[in-house]
Amino acid sequence: MFNDKRKIIIFVASILIISILFIIYVINRNSEKNMIDLNSLIGEEDKTELNSKQEIITNEENSINIINEKQSYETIVVHITGEVKKEGVIYLEKGARIIDAIKEAGGETKQADLSQVNLAYELQDGQKLYIPNKNEKISEYIIEESGQSVGESKSSAGLSGNKEDNSENIKVNINTATLEELDNLPGIGPAIAEKIIEYREENGNFKTIEDIQNVKGIGESKYNDIKEKIIV
C-alpha cells in the first residue's frame, strides 16, 4: 500500500515538473520570437530613415548643381534685323558671335550679303544687329545700347591713315576694339593697345570710358586726347 502511494506521488510530481518545463519552454520561445520581430522592425525603420536621408542629400546636391549651372550660364539680349528669316529680339549665351545670332534668327535669307559682316564679331548685351542686302553697301551694322553706331567695317575705314586726322564722329568701342583699332587712337601705340586688351581680359569690360585710365600708361593727359573718340 505504501509503495503504491509513493508511486502515485512520484508520477504526479513528474507530471508537474514536465508541465512546468513545457510552460517555461513556450514562454522562452515566444520571447525570442518577439525579440526577432522587434529587431526586424527596428532594422526596417533604420533602413527607411537612411533612405530618407540619402534622398534629402541627393536633392540638395541636385539643387546646388542647378544653381551652379544657372550661375555659369549668362545671357545677353540682342535685336537683329535685316536679311534674316526671323527679325526681332533674341537671347544668346554671353560670348556669342554674329554667326550665332544669325542662326538663332532662323538663318540668313537668300538676299543677305554676309561678306559685309564680320561673322566672328563678339556681341554685347543690348546691341542691335543689321544684316545687309546684296543690293546695298553699309558702313556699320551694329548699334550699341547707347545708340552709337559701331562695327569693324566703319572703325577700320575711319581709322586707317594718320591717327591725328581721324574724324570726331569716329568712336572706338574699347570693350571690343582690336589691337589695330586701339593702336590708331591718338597717342596709343601697340604696347599700350596690348595693355588695354590684357586689362580687359583680366578685369572684364570697362564700365565707363574713364575706366581706361586704370590701364598702365594712360594718364589724364592721354585720356583727354582720346576721350572724345572712345565709347563703351
Protein backbone atom coordinates (compact mmCIF):
# COMPACT_ATOMS: atom_id res chain seq x y z
CA MET A 1 0.00 0.00 0.00
CA PHE A 2 2.77 2.38 0.93
CA ASN A 3 4.60 1.59 -2.29
CA ASP A 4 1.51 2.37 -4.37
CA LYS A 5 1.12 5.80 -2.76
CA ARG A 6 4.78 6.51 -3.34
CA LYS A 7 4.46 5.62 -7.00
CA ILE A 8 1.41 7.89 -7.38
CA ILE A 9 3.27 10.77 -5.69
CA ILE A 10 6.28 10.30 -7.96
CA PHE A 11 4.05 10.12 -11.04
CA VAL A 12 2.16 13.29 -10.14
CA ALA A 13 5.42 15.10 -9.35
CA SER A 14 6.85 14.05 -12.69
CA ILE A 15 3.74 15.35 -14.48
CA LEU A 16 4.05 18.69 -12.69
CA ILE A 17 7.75 19.03 -13.46
CA ILE A 18 7.15 18.21 -17.12
CA SER A 19 4.28 20.72 -17.27
CA ILE A 20 6.38 23.42 -15.65
CA LEU A 21 9.28 22.79 -18.06
CA PHE A 22 6.91 22.90 -21.03
CA ILE A 23 5.43 26.21 -19.87
CA ILE A 24 8.93 27.66 -19.43
CA TYR A 25 9.87 26.48 -22.94
CA VAL A 26 6.79 28.05 -24.51
CA ILE A 27 7.39 31.36 -22.69
CA ASN A 28 11.05 31.49 -23.78
CA ARG A 29 10.18 30.67 -27.36
CA ASN A 30 7.59 33.44 -27.57
CA SER A 31 10.05 35.91 -26.03
CA GLU A 32 12.71 35.07 -28.61
CA LYS A 33 10.16 35.42 -31.43
CA ASN A 34 9.02 38.80 -30.15
CA MET A 35 12.64 39.91 -29.87
CA ILE A 36 13.33 38.88 -33.50
CA ASP A 37 10.23 40.74 -34.71
CA LEU A 38 11.25 43.84 -32.75
CA ASN A 39 14.77 43.75 -34.18
CA SER A 40 13.37 43.34 -37.68
CA LEU A 41 11.04 46.28 -37.13
CA ILE A 42 13.89 48.46 -35.84
CA GLY A 43 16.03 47.40 -38.79
CA GLU A 44 13.31 48.41 -41.27
CA GLU A 45 12.85 51.78 -39.53
CA ASP A 46 16.60 52.43 -39.65
CA LYS A 47 16.68 51.48 -43.31
CA THR A 48 13.75 53.80 -44.10
CA GLU A 49 15.38 56.66 -42.21
CA LEU A 50 18.69 56.07 -44.03
CA ASN A 51 16.94 56.10 -47.41
CA SER A 52 15.18 59.35 -46.49
CA LYS A 53 18.47 61.00 -45.52
CA GLN A 54 20.12 59.82 -48.74
CA GLU A 55 17.18 61.21 -50.75
CA ILE A 56 17.49 64.59 -49.00
CA ILE A 57 21.24 64.72 -49.69
CA THR A 58 20.66 63.82 -53.35
CA ASN A 59 18.01 66.54 -53.72
CA GLU A 60 20.33 69.10 -52.14
CA GLU A 61 23.17 68.13 -54.50
CA ASN A 62 20.83 68.41 -57.49
CA SER A 63 19.71 71.87 -56.35
CA ILE A 64 23.32 73.00 -55.98
CA ASN A 65 24.16 71.70 -59.46
CA ILE A 66 21.19 73.56 -60.96
CA ILE A 67 22.24 76.80 -59.22
CA ASN A 68 25.83 76.41 -60.43
CA GLU A 69 24.64 75.80 -63.99
CA LYS A 70 22.49 78.94 -63.88
CA GLN A 71 25.34 80.98 -62.47
CA SER A 72 27.76 79.79 -65.15
CA TYR A 73 25.27 80.44 -67.98
CA GLU A 74 24.90 84.18 -68.60
CA THR A 75 22.69 85.50 -71.37
CA ILE A 76 22.70 88.64 -73.49
CA VAL A 77 19.81 90.21 -75.38
CA VAL A 78 20.33 91.34 -78.98
CA HIS A 79 17.95 92.88 -81.53
CA ILE A 80 18.59 91.50 -85.02
CA THR A 81 17.07 92.95 -88.19
CA GLY A 82 17.65 92.91 -91.92
CA GLU A 83 18.12 89.85 -94.11
CA VAL A 84 17.34 87.13 -91.57
CA LYS A 85 14.33 84.84 -91.53
CA LYS A 86 13.12 85.90 -88.07
CA GLU A 87 13.74 89.53 -87.17
CA GLY A 88 13.38 90.54 -83.53
CA VAL A 89 14.87 90.22 -80.06
CA ILE A 90 16.90 87.08 -79.41
CA TYR A 91 18.64 85.65 -76.36
CA LEU A 92 22.18 84.34 -76.66
CA GLU A 93 24.85 82.95 -74.37
CA LYS A 94 27.42 85.52 -73.29
CA GLY A 95 30.35 85.47 -75.72
CA ALA A 96 28.16 84.63 -78.72
CA ARG A 97 29.23 85.83 -82.17
CA ILE A 98 27.26 87.35 -85.02
CA ILE A 99 27.08 83.94 -86.73
CA ASP A 100 25.34 82.59 -83.61
CA ALA A 101 22.80 85.43 -83.72
CA ILE A 102 22.01 84.72 -87.38
CA LYS A 103 21.44 81.02 -86.61
CA GLU A 104 19.19 81.91 -83.66
CA ALA A 105 17.17 84.17 -86.00
CA GLY A 106 16.48 81.26 -88.35
CA GLY A 107 19.43 81.86 -90.67
CA GLU A 108 20.06 84.43 -93.39
CA THR A 109 17.79 85.00 -96.38
CA LYS A 110 18.87 84.43 -99.98
CA GLN A 111 19.34 88.19 -100.39
CA ALA A 112 21.72 88.54 -97.43
CA ASP A 113 25.25 89.79 -98.08
CA LEU A 114 27.33 88.28 -95.27
CA SER A 115 30.57 89.46 -96.89
CA GLN A 116 29.90 92.91 -95.38
CA VAL A 117 29.61 91.49 -91.87
CA ASN A 118 32.29 90.10 -89.57
CA LEU A 119 30.62 86.85 -88.54
CA ALA A 120 33.20 86.33 -85.77
CA TYR A 121 32.39 89.64 -84.06
CA GLU A 122 31.58 89.08 -80.35
CA LEU A 123 28.23 90.59 -79.42
CA GLN A 124 27.43 92.54 -76.27
CA ASP A 125 24.19 92.86 -74.33
CA GLY A 126 21.79 95.48 -75.71
CA GLN A 127 23.22 95.74 -79.21
CA LYS A 128 21.20 95.97 -82.42
CA LEU A 129 22.49 93.98 -85.38
CA TYR A 130 21.64 94.63 -89.04
CA ILE A 131 22.28 92.08 -91.79
CA PRO A 132 22.57 93.91 -95.14
CA ASN A 133 21.05 93.13 -98.54
CA LYS A 134 23.18 92.28 -101.60
CA ASN A 135 21.95 95.45 -103.28
CA GLU A 136 23.18 97.83 -100.58
CA LYS A 137 26.50 98.90 -99.13
CA ILE A 138 26.74 99.75 -95.44
CA SER A 139 29.44 101.30 -93.28
CA GLU A 140 28.22 99.87 -89.98
CA TYR A 141 25.98 97.01 -88.95
CA ILE A 142 25.90 97.19 -85.15
CA ILE A 143 24.27 99.82 -82.96
CA GLU A 144 25.17 99.94 -79.27
CA GLU A 145 22.63 100.24 -76.46
CA SER A 146 23.63 103.89 -76.18
CA GLY A 147 22.66 104.49 -79.82
CA GLN A 148 26.23 104.79 -81.10
CA SER A 149 26.93 103.05 -84.39
CA VAL A 150 29.88 100.68 -84.29
CA GLY A 151 31.22 97.78 -86.28
CA GLU A 152 34.56 96.77 -87.69
CA SER A 153 33.66 97.92 -91.19
CA LYS A 154 33.19 101.51 -90.01
CA SER A 155 36.01 101.52 -87.50
CA SER A 156 38.53 100.08 -89.91
CA ALA A 157 37.64 102.52 -92.64
CA GLY A 158 37.59 105.53 -90.37
CA LEU A 159 40.76 104.68 -88.51
CA SER A 160 43.03 103.98 -91.45
CA GLY A 161 45.71 106.54 -92.23
CA ASN A 162 47.08 109.24 -89.93
CA LYS A 163 45.91 108.98 -86.33
CA GLU A 164 45.57 112.72 -85.90
CA ASP A 165 43.32 113.01 -89.00
CA ASN A 166 40.51 110.89 -87.51
CA SER A 167 37.04 112.37 -87.69
CA GLU A 168 35.48 113.43 -84.40
CA ASN A 169 32.48 111.24 -85.26
CA ILE A 170 34.55 108.06 -85.22
CA LYS A 171 34.05 106.17 -81.97
CA VAL A 172 36.09 103.12 -80.94
CA ASN A 173 34.48 100.70 -78.54
CA ILE A 174 37.24 99.98 -76.03
CA ASN A 175 35.45 96.80 -74.93
CA THR A 176 35.51 95.18 -78.39
CA ALA A 177 38.19 97.01 -80.39
CA THR A 178 41.08 95.05 -81.87
CA LEU A 179 44.72 95.86 -81.19
CA GLU A 180 44.95 97.63 -84.57
CA GLU A 181 41.93 99.82 -83.84
CA LEU A 182 43.27 100.79 -80.42
CA ASP A 183 46.70 101.45 -81.89
CA ASN A 184 45.13 104.01 -84.25
CA LEU A 185 43.87 106.15 -81.37
CA PRO A 186 45.88 109.36 -80.76
CA GLY A 187 48.86 108.66 -78.51
CA ILE A 188 48.10 104.93 -78.19
CA GLY A 189 50.83 102.73 -79.63
CA PRO A 190 50.95 98.93 -79.98
CA ALA A 191 52.35 98.45 -76.46
CA ILE A 192 49.57 100.38 -74.72
CA ALA A 193 46.96 98.86 -77.03
CA GLU A 194 48.16 95.43 -75.90
CA LYS A 195 47.88 96.55 -72.25
CA ILE A 196 44.30 97.69 -72.83
CA ILE A 197 43.36 94.28 -74.22
CA GLU A 198 45.15 92.48 -71.36
CA TYR A 199 43.39 94.65 -68.78
CA ARG A 200 40.05 93.94 -70.48
CA GLU A 201 40.66 90.18 -70.45
CA GLU A 202 41.70 90.14 -66.79
CA ASN A 203 39.12 92.54 -65.36
CA GLY A 204 36.20 92.34 -67.76
CA ASN A 205 34.64 95.11 -69.84
CA PHE A 206 35.16 98.76 -68.99
CA LYS A 207 32.08 100.23 -67.31
CA THR A 208 32.82 103.81 -68.36
CA ILE A 209 35.34 105.39 -70.70
CA GLU A 210 37.05 106.92 -67.64
CA ASP A 211 37.98 103.40 -66.52
CA ILE A 212 40.58 103.20 -69.29
CA GLN A 213 42.80 105.34 -67.04
CA ASN A 214 43.22 102.21 -64.91
CA VAL A 215 45.42 100.83 -67.68
CA LYS A 216 49.10 101.40 -67.00
CA GLY A 217 50.48 104.03 -69.38
CA ILE A 218 47.24 106.01 -69.78
CA GLY A 219 47.30 109.11 -67.63
CA GLU A 220 44.99 112.10 -67.51
CA SER A 221 46.69 113.83 -70.44
CA LYS A 222 46.48 110.81 -72.74
CA TYR A 223 42.91 110.18 -71.63
CA ASN A 224 41.92 113.74 -72.59
CA ASP A 225 43.34 113.12 -76.07
CA ILE A 226 41.16 110.06 -76.70
CA LYS A 227 38.05 110.54 -74.56
CA GLU A 228 36.06 112.06 -77.45
CA LYS A 229 36.94 109.13 -79.69
CA ILE A 230 36.03 106.16 -77.47
CA ILE A 231 32.86 104.55 -76.17
CA VAL A 232 31.95 101.51 -74.05
